[in-house]
Amino acid sequence: MGEELVFSGRVWLFGDSVDTDQILPGYAMSYPREQLRACAMAGSSRPNFTAEVSPGDIIVAGGNFGCGSSREQAPLALKDAGVALVIAASFARIFRRNAINIGLPVLQADMDGRVKDGDVVTAHLRGGQVVLADGSIIKGQVPGENVIAVLAAGGLINKVRRQLAKEGG
């Protein structure tokens, strides 16, 4: 577990209670996976998100990010659009678990007014810390070792495959 899980990227700021219909509108549920990225955040206050997001960018949000229905496709759309990490004051439990399972890193940290769109931040997932452009540090929740192992493997299925390969299964 030597992977550092450090993410540095441009901030996309969202508010509280961003639900899965905003992250991935219901009409996209029937789309094949390779088309989901085009609909990421299409139901939000930033419908042009996918035209402007760059690989490695970071979403920063308030509380209850990912509330609503339990769509695994919502974090998949964000990951496939190039989002490297989602930082939020809190997450809906099922969204957080789905994100981790598909290999989209999430960090619970309250950034309340400390960043703005376009700022560059660096998050150290293992330590649960976010370093702001001015060098100040925001401490968030340190993920458990199992979460770190799943994210380091790129998702739960990859972690299980690696484990089975080690065990000769």
N, C-alpha and C. Protein backbone atom coordinates (compact mmCIF):
# COMPACT_ATOMS: atom_id res chain seq x y z
N MET A 1 0.82 -1.19 0.00
CA MET A 1 0.00 0.00 0.00
C MET A 1 0.86 1.25 0.00
N GLY A 2 1.86 1.25 -0.88
CA GLY A 2 2.76 2.36 -0.94
C GLY A 2 2.27 3.52 -1.78
N GLU A 3 1.18 3.36 -2.47
CA GLU A 3 0.67 4.45 -3.31
C GLU A 3 0.27 5.63 -2.44
N GLU A 4 0.66 6.81 -2.88
CA GLU A 4 0.46 8.00 -2.06
C GLU A 4 -0.97 8.53 -2.08
N LEU A 5 -1.66 8.39 -3.18
CA LEU A 5 -3.01 8.92 -3.31
C LEU A 5 -3.05 10.41 -3.01
N VAL A 6 -2.25 11.14 -3.80
CA VAL A 6 -2.20 12.60 -3.72
C VAL A 6 -2.79 13.14 -5.01
N PHE A 7 -3.68 14.11 -4.87
CA PHE A 7 -4.38 14.67 -6.02
C PHE A 7 -4.24 16.18 -6.01
N SER A 8 -3.81 16.73 -7.12
CA SER A 8 -3.69 18.17 -7.25
C SER A 8 -4.47 18.58 -8.48
N GLY A 9 -5.37 19.54 -8.32
CA GLY A 9 -6.17 19.93 -9.46
C GLY A 9 -6.97 21.20 -9.22
N ARG A 10 -7.60 21.62 -10.29
CA ARG A 10 -8.42 22.83 -10.31
C ARG A 10 -9.78 22.55 -9.68
N VAL A 11 -10.24 23.47 -8.88
CA VAL A 11 -11.49 23.33 -8.13
C VAL A 11 -12.71 23.73 -8.96
N TRP A 12 -13.73 22.88 -8.85
CA TRP A 12 -15.09 23.17 -9.33
C TRP A 12 -15.96 23.21 -8.10
N LEU A 13 -16.50 24.37 -7.77
CA LEU A 13 -17.23 24.55 -6.54
C LEU A 13 -18.73 24.32 -6.73
N PHE A 14 -19.30 23.50 -5.84
CA PHE A 14 -20.73 23.24 -5.81
C PHE A 14 -21.22 23.43 -4.38
N GLY A 15 -22.51 23.59 -4.21
CA GLY A 15 -23.08 23.84 -2.89
C GLY A 15 -23.49 22.58 -2.16
N ASP A 16 -24.48 22.75 -1.30
CA ASP A 16 -25.00 21.65 -0.49
C ASP A 16 -26.02 20.83 -1.26
N SER A 17 -26.20 19.60 -0.83
CA SER A 17 -27.26 18.70 -1.32
C SER A 17 -27.30 18.55 -2.83
N VAL A 18 -26.13 18.36 -3.43
CA VAL A 18 -26.07 18.05 -4.86
C VAL A 18 -26.50 16.60 -4.99
N ASP A 19 -27.66 16.38 -5.62
CA ASP A 19 -28.20 15.02 -5.67
C ASP A 19 -27.78 14.29 -6.95
N THR A 20 -28.08 13.01 -6.98
CA THR A 20 -27.65 12.20 -8.12
C THR A 20 -28.36 12.59 -9.41
N ASP A 21 -29.53 13.22 -9.32
CA ASP A 21 -30.18 13.72 -10.54
C ASP A 21 -29.42 14.90 -11.13
N GLN A 22 -28.75 15.66 -10.29
CA GLN A 22 -27.91 16.75 -10.78
C GLN A 22 -26.59 16.21 -11.33
N ILE A 23 -26.05 15.21 -10.64
CA ILE A 23 -24.78 14.61 -11.06
C ILE A 23 -24.95 13.87 -12.38
N LEU A 24 -26.02 13.10 -12.49
CA LEU A 24 -26.31 12.36 -13.72
C LEU A 24 -27.83 12.29 -13.87
N PRO A 25 -28.39 13.13 -14.75
CA PRO A 25 -29.85 13.15 -14.90
C PRO A 25 -30.42 11.77 -15.26
N GLY A 26 -31.64 11.54 -14.83
CA GLY A 26 -32.30 10.25 -15.04
C GLY A 26 -32.35 9.80 -16.48
N TYR A 27 -32.47 10.74 -17.42
CA TYR A 27 -32.55 10.33 -18.83
C TYR A 27 -31.29 9.61 -19.29
N ALA A 28 -30.16 9.81 -18.61
CA ALA A 28 -28.91 9.20 -19.02
C ALA A 28 -28.76 7.77 -18.52
N MET A 29 -29.66 7.33 -17.68
CA MET A 29 -29.53 6.01 -17.08
C MET A 29 -29.54 4.88 -18.11
N SER A 30 -30.14 5.10 -19.23
CA SER A 30 -30.20 4.06 -20.25
C SER A 30 -29.02 4.13 -21.23
N TYR A 31 -28.17 5.12 -21.08
CA TYR A 31 -27.03 5.28 -21.98
C TYR A 31 -25.95 4.24 -21.67
N PRO A 32 -25.19 3.83 -22.68
CA PRO A 32 -24.04 2.96 -22.42
C PRO A 32 -22.99 3.72 -21.61
N ARG A 33 -22.17 2.99 -20.87
CA ARG A 33 -21.20 3.63 -19.98
C ARG A 33 -20.34 4.68 -20.68
N GLU A 34 -19.89 4.40 -21.88
CA GLU A 34 -18.99 5.33 -22.56
C GLU A 34 -19.65 6.67 -22.90
N GLN A 35 -20.95 6.77 -22.76
CA GLN A 35 -21.65 8.03 -23.02
C GLN A 35 -22.02 8.79 -21.74
N LEU A 36 -21.84 8.18 -20.59
CA LEU A 36 -22.23 8.82 -19.33
C LEU A 36 -21.46 10.10 -19.05
N ARG A 37 -20.17 10.12 -19.37
CA ARG A 37 -19.33 11.27 -19.08
C ARG A 37 -19.90 12.55 -19.69
N ALA A 38 -20.55 12.44 -20.84
CA ALA A 38 -21.11 13.61 -21.52
C ALA A 38 -22.27 14.23 -20.75
N CYS A 39 -22.82 13.50 -19.81
CA CYS A 39 -23.97 13.98 -19.03
C CYS A 39 -23.61 14.35 -17.60
N ALA A 40 -22.34 14.23 -17.22
CA ALA A 40 -21.93 14.53 -15.85
C ALA A 40 -22.28 15.96 -15.48
N MET A 41 -22.96 16.14 -14.40
CA MET A 41 -23.38 17.43 -13.84
C MET A 41 -24.35 18.20 -14.75
N ALA A 42 -24.94 17.52 -15.73
CA ALA A 42 -25.86 18.17 -16.66
C ALA A 42 -27.12 18.69 -15.97
N GLY A 43 -27.49 18.11 -14.84
CA GLY A 43 -28.67 18.56 -14.13
C GLY A 43 -28.37 19.58 -13.04
N SER A 44 -27.11 20.00 -12.96
CA SER A 44 -26.69 20.92 -11.90
C SER A 44 -26.77 22.37 -12.37
N SER A 45 -26.27 23.24 -11.53
CA SER A 45 -26.20 24.66 -11.88
C SER A 45 -25.11 24.92 -12.92
N ARG A 46 -24.38 23.87 -13.31
CA ARG A 46 -23.29 24.00 -14.29
C ARG A 46 -23.47 22.98 -15.40
N PRO A 47 -24.48 23.15 -16.23
CA PRO A 47 -24.76 22.14 -17.26
C PRO A 47 -23.67 21.99 -18.32
N ASN A 48 -22.75 22.94 -18.43
CA ASN A 48 -21.65 22.84 -19.41
C ASN A 48 -20.39 22.24 -18.78
N PHE A 49 -20.54 21.62 -17.65
CA PHE A 49 -19.41 21.05 -16.90
C PHE A 49 -18.51 20.19 -17.78
N THR A 50 -19.08 19.25 -18.52
CA THR A 50 -18.24 18.31 -19.28
C THR A 50 -17.48 18.98 -20.41
N ALA A 51 -17.97 20.10 -20.91
CA ALA A 51 -17.25 20.82 -21.97
C ALA A 51 -16.04 21.57 -21.41
N GLU A 52 -16.05 21.82 -20.10
CA GLU A 52 -15.01 22.65 -19.49
C GLU A 52 -14.09 21.91 -18.52
N VAL A 53 -14.53 20.77 -18.00
CA VAL A 53 -13.72 20.04 -17.03
C VAL A 53 -12.49 19.44 -17.72
N SER A 54 -11.40 19.39 -16.98
CA SER A 54 -10.16 18.79 -17.49
C SER A 54 -9.78 17.61 -16.61
N PRO A 55 -9.12 16.62 -17.18
CA PRO A 55 -8.68 15.48 -16.37
C PRO A 55 -7.86 15.97 -15.18
N GLY A 56 -8.18 15.45 -14.00
CA GLY A 56 -7.48 15.82 -12.79
C GLY A 56 -8.17 16.90 -11.98
N ASP A 57 -9.23 17.49 -12.51
CA ASP A 57 -9.96 18.52 -11.76
C ASP A 57 -10.63 17.91 -10.53
N ILE A 58 -10.93 18.78 -9.57
CA ILE A 58 -11.47 18.35 -8.29
C ILE A 58 -12.78 19.07 -8.01
N ILE A 59 -13.80 18.31 -7.65
CA ILE A 59 -15.07 18.91 -7.22
C ILE A 59 -14.99 19.15 -5.73
N VAL A 60 -15.37 20.35 -5.31
CA VAL A 60 -15.48 20.71 -3.90
C VAL A 60 -16.92 21.10 -3.65
N ALA A 61 -17.55 20.48 -2.67
CA ALA A 61 -18.97 20.73 -2.41
C ALA A 61 -19.25 20.84 -0.92
N GLY A 62 -20.46 21.25 -0.63
CA GLY A 62 -20.90 21.36 0.76
C GLY A 62 -21.36 20.01 1.29
N GLY A 63 -22.39 20.05 2.09
CA GLY A 63 -22.88 18.84 2.73
C GLY A 63 -23.81 18.02 1.87
N ASN A 64 -23.88 16.74 2.18
CA ASN A 64 -24.83 15.80 1.59
C ASN A 64 -24.64 15.61 0.09
N PHE A 65 -23.39 15.62 -0.37
CA PHE A 65 -23.12 15.42 -1.79
C PHE A 65 -23.52 14.01 -2.20
N GLY A 66 -24.25 13.90 -3.31
CA GLY A 66 -24.65 12.59 -3.83
C GLY A 66 -25.91 12.03 -3.22
N CYS A 67 -26.71 12.90 -2.58
CA CYS A 67 -27.97 12.42 -2.00
C CYS A 67 -28.92 12.03 -3.13
N GLY A 68 -29.99 11.38 -2.79
CA GLY A 68 -30.96 10.96 -3.80
C GLY A 68 -30.86 9.47 -4.06
N SER A 69 -31.11 9.09 -5.29
CA SER A 69 -31.15 7.67 -5.62
C SER A 69 -29.75 7.06 -5.63
N SER A 70 -29.70 5.76 -5.50
CA SER A 70 -28.42 5.04 -5.37
C SER A 70 -27.91 4.60 -6.73
N ARG A 71 -27.49 5.53 -7.53
CA ARG A 71 -27.02 5.24 -8.88
C ARG A 71 -25.51 5.10 -8.90
N GLU A 72 -25.04 3.93 -9.20
CA GLU A 72 -23.60 3.74 -9.37
C GLU A 72 -23.11 4.53 -10.58
N GLN A 73 -24.00 4.80 -11.52
CA GLN A 73 -23.61 5.53 -12.72
C GLN A 73 -23.22 6.98 -12.42
N ALA A 74 -23.72 7.56 -11.33
CA ALA A 74 -23.40 8.96 -11.01
C ALA A 74 -21.90 9.15 -10.76
N PRO A 75 -21.29 8.40 -9.84
CA PRO A 75 -19.84 8.56 -9.69
C PRO A 75 -19.06 8.09 -10.92
N LEU A 76 -19.57 7.10 -11.65
CA LEU A 76 -18.91 6.67 -12.89
C LEU A 76 -18.84 7.81 -13.90
N ALA A 77 -19.91 8.57 -14.03
CA ALA A 77 -19.94 9.69 -14.97
C ALA A 77 -18.89 10.73 -14.59
N LEU A 78 -18.77 11.01 -13.29
CA LEU A 78 -17.77 11.98 -12.84
C LEU A 78 -16.35 11.48 -13.12
N LYS A 79 -16.11 10.23 -12.77
CA LYS A 79 -14.78 9.64 -12.99
C LYS A 79 -14.43 9.64 -14.48
N ASP A 80 -15.36 9.21 -15.30
CA ASP A 80 -15.11 9.14 -16.73
C ASP A 80 -14.97 10.53 -17.37
N ALA A 81 -15.55 11.56 -16.75
CA ALA A 81 -15.41 12.93 -17.24
C ALA A 81 -14.04 13.52 -16.89
N GLY A 82 -13.30 12.83 -16.02
CA GLY A 82 -11.96 13.29 -15.67
C GLY A 82 -11.80 13.80 -14.26
N VAL A 83 -12.88 13.80 -13.47
CA VAL A 83 -12.79 14.26 -12.09
C VAL A 83 -11.87 13.30 -11.33
N ALA A 84 -10.85 13.87 -10.68
CA ALA A 84 -9.88 13.04 -9.96
C ALA A 84 -10.30 12.77 -8.53
N LEU A 85 -11.10 13.68 -7.95
CA LEU A 85 -11.43 13.61 -6.54
C LEU A 85 -12.66 14.47 -6.27
N VAL A 86 -13.48 14.03 -5.33
CA VAL A 86 -14.59 14.85 -4.84
C VAL A 86 -14.33 15.09 -3.36
N ILE A 87 -14.30 16.36 -2.99
CA ILE A 87 -14.17 16.76 -1.59
C ILE A 87 -15.49 17.38 -1.19
N ALA A 88 -16.07 16.92 -0.10
CA ALA A 88 -17.34 17.49 0.36
C ALA A 88 -17.38 17.50 1.88
N ALA A 89 -18.18 18.42 2.42
CA ALA A 89 -18.35 18.50 3.87
C ALA A 89 -18.95 17.20 4.40
N SER A 90 -19.83 16.58 3.61
CA SER A 90 -20.38 15.26 3.92
C SER A 90 -20.93 14.66 2.65
N PHE A 91 -21.05 13.35 2.66
CA PHE A 91 -21.56 12.60 1.51
C PHE A 91 -22.77 11.79 1.91
N ALA A 92 -23.67 11.60 0.96
CA ALA A 92 -24.71 10.60 1.15
C ALA A 92 -23.98 9.26 1.20
N ARG A 93 -24.37 8.43 2.16
CA ARG A 93 -23.66 7.17 2.40
C ARG A 93 -23.53 6.31 1.15
N ILE A 94 -24.62 6.13 0.41
CA ILE A 94 -24.59 5.23 -0.75
C ILE A 94 -23.73 5.81 -1.87
N PHE A 95 -23.74 7.14 -2.06
CA PHE A 95 -22.88 7.74 -3.08
C PHE A 95 -21.41 7.52 -2.72
N ARG A 96 -21.07 7.77 -1.46
CA ARG A 96 -19.69 7.60 -1.02
C ARG A 96 -19.23 6.17 -1.27
N ARG A 97 -20.05 5.20 -0.90
CA ARG A 97 -19.67 3.80 -1.08
C ARG A 97 -19.56 3.45 -2.57
N ASN A 98 -20.51 3.93 -3.38
CA ASN A 98 -20.44 3.67 -4.82
C ASN A 98 -19.18 4.28 -5.42
N ALA A 99 -18.85 5.51 -5.02
CA ALA A 99 -17.66 6.17 -5.55
C ALA A 99 -16.40 5.36 -5.22
N ILE A 100 -16.27 4.96 -3.98
CA ILE A 100 -15.11 4.16 -3.57
C ILE A 100 -15.07 2.85 -4.35
N ASN A 101 -16.21 2.19 -4.47
CA ASN A 101 -16.25 0.90 -5.16
C ASN A 101 -15.84 0.99 -6.62
N ILE A 102 -16.12 2.12 -7.29
CA ILE A 102 -15.74 2.25 -8.70
C ILE A 102 -14.39 2.94 -8.86
N GLY A 103 -13.77 3.31 -7.72
CA GLY A 103 -12.43 3.89 -7.77
C GLY A 103 -12.37 5.39 -7.91
N LEU A 104 -13.45 6.09 -7.58
CA LEU A 104 -13.44 7.56 -7.58
C LEU A 104 -13.14 8.02 -6.16
N PRO A 105 -11.96 8.61 -5.94
CA PRO A 105 -11.62 9.05 -4.58
C PRO A 105 -12.56 10.14 -4.07
N VAL A 106 -12.91 10.02 -2.81
CA VAL A 106 -13.74 11.01 -2.11
C VAL A 106 -13.07 11.32 -0.78
N LEU A 107 -13.18 12.57 -0.36
CA LEU A 107 -12.60 13.00 0.90
C LEU A 107 -13.60 13.90 1.61
N GLN A 108 -13.91 13.53 2.83
CA GLN A 108 -14.82 14.36 3.63
C GLN A 108 -14.00 15.42 4.35
N ALA A 109 -14.20 16.67 3.93
CA ALA A 109 -13.51 17.82 4.53
C ALA A 109 -14.38 19.04 4.30
N ASP A 110 -14.53 19.85 5.30
CA ASP A 110 -15.35 21.05 5.20
C ASP A 110 -14.49 22.21 4.69
N MET A 111 -14.68 22.56 3.44
CA MET A 111 -13.90 23.61 2.80
C MET A 111 -14.60 24.98 2.89
N ASP A 112 -15.68 25.04 3.61
CA ASP A 112 -16.57 26.18 3.77
C ASP A 112 -15.94 27.55 3.49
N GLY A 113 -16.11 28.00 2.26
CA GLY A 113 -15.66 29.33 1.88
C GLY A 113 -14.17 29.52 1.75
N ARG A 114 -13.41 28.45 1.84
CA ARG A 114 -11.94 28.56 1.80
C ARG A 114 -11.36 28.48 0.39
N VAL A 115 -12.18 28.05 -0.58
CA VAL A 115 -11.72 27.97 -1.97
C VAL A 115 -12.77 28.57 -2.89
N LYS A 116 -12.33 28.88 -4.10
CA LYS A 116 -13.25 29.37 -5.13
C LYS A 116 -12.97 28.62 -6.42
N ASP A 117 -13.87 28.73 -7.36
CA ASP A 117 -13.68 28.09 -8.66
C ASP A 117 -12.32 28.45 -9.23
N GLY A 118 -11.65 27.45 -9.76
CA GLY A 118 -10.38 27.66 -10.43
C GLY A 118 -9.16 27.60 -9.53
N ASP A 119 -9.35 27.68 -8.21
CA ASP A 119 -8.21 27.52 -7.31
C ASP A 119 -7.61 26.13 -7.52
N VAL A 120 -6.33 26.01 -7.27
CA VAL A 120 -5.68 24.70 -7.33
C VAL A 120 -5.40 24.25 -5.90
N VAL A 121 -5.86 23.05 -5.58
CA VAL A 121 -5.63 22.48 -4.26
C VAL A 121 -4.94 21.13 -4.43
N THR A 122 -4.27 20.71 -3.36
CA THR A 122 -3.63 19.40 -3.35
C THR A 122 -4.17 18.64 -2.15
N ALA A 123 -4.71 17.46 -2.40
CA ALA A 123 -5.28 16.64 -1.34
C ALA A 123 -4.41 15.41 -1.12
N HIS A 124 -4.12 15.15 0.13
CA HIS A 124 -3.36 13.97 0.54
C HIS A 124 -4.37 13.04 1.21
N LEU A 125 -4.86 12.10 0.43
CA LEU A 125 -5.96 11.26 0.89
C LEU A 125 -5.60 10.46 2.14
N ARG A 126 -4.42 9.86 2.16
CA ARG A 126 -4.03 9.04 3.32
C ARG A 126 -4.06 9.83 4.62
N GLY A 127 -3.71 11.10 4.56
CA GLY A 127 -3.70 11.93 5.76
C GLY A 127 -4.98 12.71 5.97
N GLY A 128 -5.89 12.63 4.99
CA GLY A 128 -7.14 13.38 5.09
C GLY A 128 -6.93 14.88 5.10
N GLN A 129 -5.95 15.36 4.34
CA GLN A 129 -5.62 16.78 4.35
C GLN A 129 -5.72 17.39 2.96
N VAL A 130 -6.10 18.67 2.95
CA VAL A 130 -6.14 19.44 1.71
C VAL A 130 -5.26 20.66 1.91
N VAL A 131 -4.30 20.84 1.00
CA VAL A 131 -3.42 22.01 1.04
C VAL A 131 -3.96 23.02 0.04
N LEU A 132 -4.26 24.21 0.54
CA LEU A 132 -4.79 25.28 -0.30
C LEU A 132 -3.65 26.02 -1.00
N ALA A 133 -4.01 26.86 -1.98
CA ALA A 133 -3.03 27.60 -2.77
C ALA A 133 -2.12 28.46 -1.89
N ASP A 134 -2.64 28.96 -0.77
CA ASP A 134 -1.84 29.81 0.13
C ASP A 134 -1.00 28.99 1.11
N GLY A 135 -1.04 27.68 1.00
CA GLY A 135 -0.25 26.81 1.86
C GLY A 135 -0.95 26.37 3.13
N SER A 136 -2.11 26.95 3.42
CA SER A 136 -2.84 26.52 4.62
C SER A 136 -3.42 25.12 4.40
N ILE A 137 -3.65 24.44 5.51
CA ILE A 137 -4.10 23.05 5.46
C ILE A 137 -5.46 22.91 6.11
N ILE A 138 -6.34 22.20 5.43
CA ILE A 138 -7.65 21.86 5.99
C ILE A 138 -7.61 20.37 6.29
N LYS A 139 -7.94 20.03 7.51
CA LYS A 139 -7.95 18.63 7.91
C LYS A 139 -9.35 18.07 7.73
N GLY A 140 -9.40 16.92 7.08
CA GLY A 140 -10.66 16.23 6.88
C GLY A 140 -10.61 14.87 7.55
N GLN A 141 -11.55 14.04 7.17
CA GLN A 141 -11.64 12.70 7.74
C GLN A 141 -10.61 11.79 7.07
N VAL A 142 -9.83 11.12 7.87
CA VAL A 142 -8.83 10.18 7.33
C VAL A 142 -9.57 8.90 6.94
N PRO A 143 -9.46 8.50 5.66
CA PRO A 143 -10.13 7.26 5.24
C PRO A 143 -9.51 6.04 5.91
N GLY A 144 -10.31 5.02 6.12
CA GLY A 144 -9.82 3.77 6.68
C GLY A 144 -8.90 3.05 5.70
N GLU A 145 -8.09 2.13 6.22
CA GLU A 145 -7.15 1.41 5.38
C GLU A 145 -7.84 0.59 4.29
N ASN A 146 -9.03 0.04 4.56
CA ASN A 146 -9.74 -0.71 3.53
C ASN A 146 -10.15 0.22 2.38
N VAL A 147 -10.60 1.41 2.71
CA VAL A 147 -10.97 2.40 1.68
C VAL A 147 -9.73 2.76 0.87
N ILE A 148 -8.63 3.01 1.54
CA ILE A 148 -7.38 3.34 0.85
C ILE A 148 -6.97 2.20 -0.09
N ALA A 149 -7.09 0.96 0.38
CA ALA A 149 -6.72 -0.20 -0.43
C ALA A 149 -7.60 -0.32 -1.67
N VAL A 150 -8.89 -0.08 -1.51
CA VAL A 150 -9.81 -0.14 -2.65
C VAL A 150 -9.47 0.95 -3.65
N LEU A 151 -9.26 2.17 -3.17
CA LEU A 151 -8.94 3.28 -4.08
C LEU A 151 -7.58 3.09 -4.75
N ALA A 152 -6.60 2.61 -4.01
CA ALA A 152 -5.28 2.37 -4.58
C ALA A 152 -5.33 1.32 -5.69
N ALA A 153 -6.26 0.38 -5.57
CA ALA A 153 -6.41 -0.66 -6.60
C ALA A 153 -7.23 -0.18 -7.79
N GLY A 154 -7.87 0.99 -7.66
CA GLY A 154 -8.70 1.49 -8.75
C GLY A 154 -10.14 1.05 -8.65
N GLY A 155 -10.54 0.54 -7.51
CA GLY A 155 -11.93 0.11 -7.29
C GLY A 155 -11.99 -1.26 -6.65
N LEU A 156 -13.19 -1.61 -6.20
CA LEU A 156 -13.38 -2.86 -5.46
C LEU A 156 -13.12 -4.09 -6.31
N ILE A 157 -13.60 -4.10 -7.55
CA ILE A 157 -13.39 -5.27 -8.40
C ILE A 157 -11.90 -5.50 -8.64
N ASN A 158 -11.16 -4.42 -8.90
CA ASN A 158 -9.71 -4.56 -9.09
C ASN A 158 -9.03 -5.07 -7.82
N LYS A 159 -9.47 -4.59 -6.66
CA LYS A 159 -8.89 -5.04 -5.39
C LYS A 159 -9.12 -6.53 -5.20
N VAL A 160 -10.33 -6.99 -5.46
CA VAL A 160 -10.65 -8.40 -5.31
C VAL A 160 -9.84 -9.24 -6.29
N ARG A 161 -9.72 -8.78 -7.53
CA ARG A 161 -8.93 -9.52 -8.53
C ARG A 161 -7.48 -9.65 -8.09
N ARG A 162 -6.91 -8.54 -7.58
CA ARG A 162 -5.52 -8.58 -7.11
C ARG A 162 -5.37 -9.55 -5.94
N GLN A 163 -6.32 -9.51 -5.03
CA GLN A 163 -6.27 -10.39 -3.85
C GLN A 163 -6.36 -11.85 -4.28
N LEU A 164 -7.27 -12.16 -5.19
CA LEU A 164 -7.41 -13.53 -5.67
C LEU A 164 -6.15 -14.01 -6.40
N ALA A 165 -5.53 -13.10 -7.16
CA ALA A 165 -4.31 -13.47 -7.87
C ALA A 165 -3.20 -13.79 -6.88
N LYS A 166 -3.10 -13.03 -5.79
CA LYS A 166 -2.08 -13.28 -4.77
C LYS A 166 -2.31 -14.62 -4.08
N GLU A 167 -3.58 -14.96 -3.90
CA GLU A 167 -3.94 -16.20 -3.19
C GLU A 167 -3.97 -17.40 -4.12
N GLY A 168 -3.69 -17.15 -5.42
CA GLY A 168 -3.68 -18.23 -6.37
C GLY A 168 -5.06 -18.66 -6.83
N GLY A 169 -6.07 -17.77 -6.65
CA GLY A 169 -7.44 -18.11 -7.01
C GLY A 169 -7.79 -17.59 -8.27
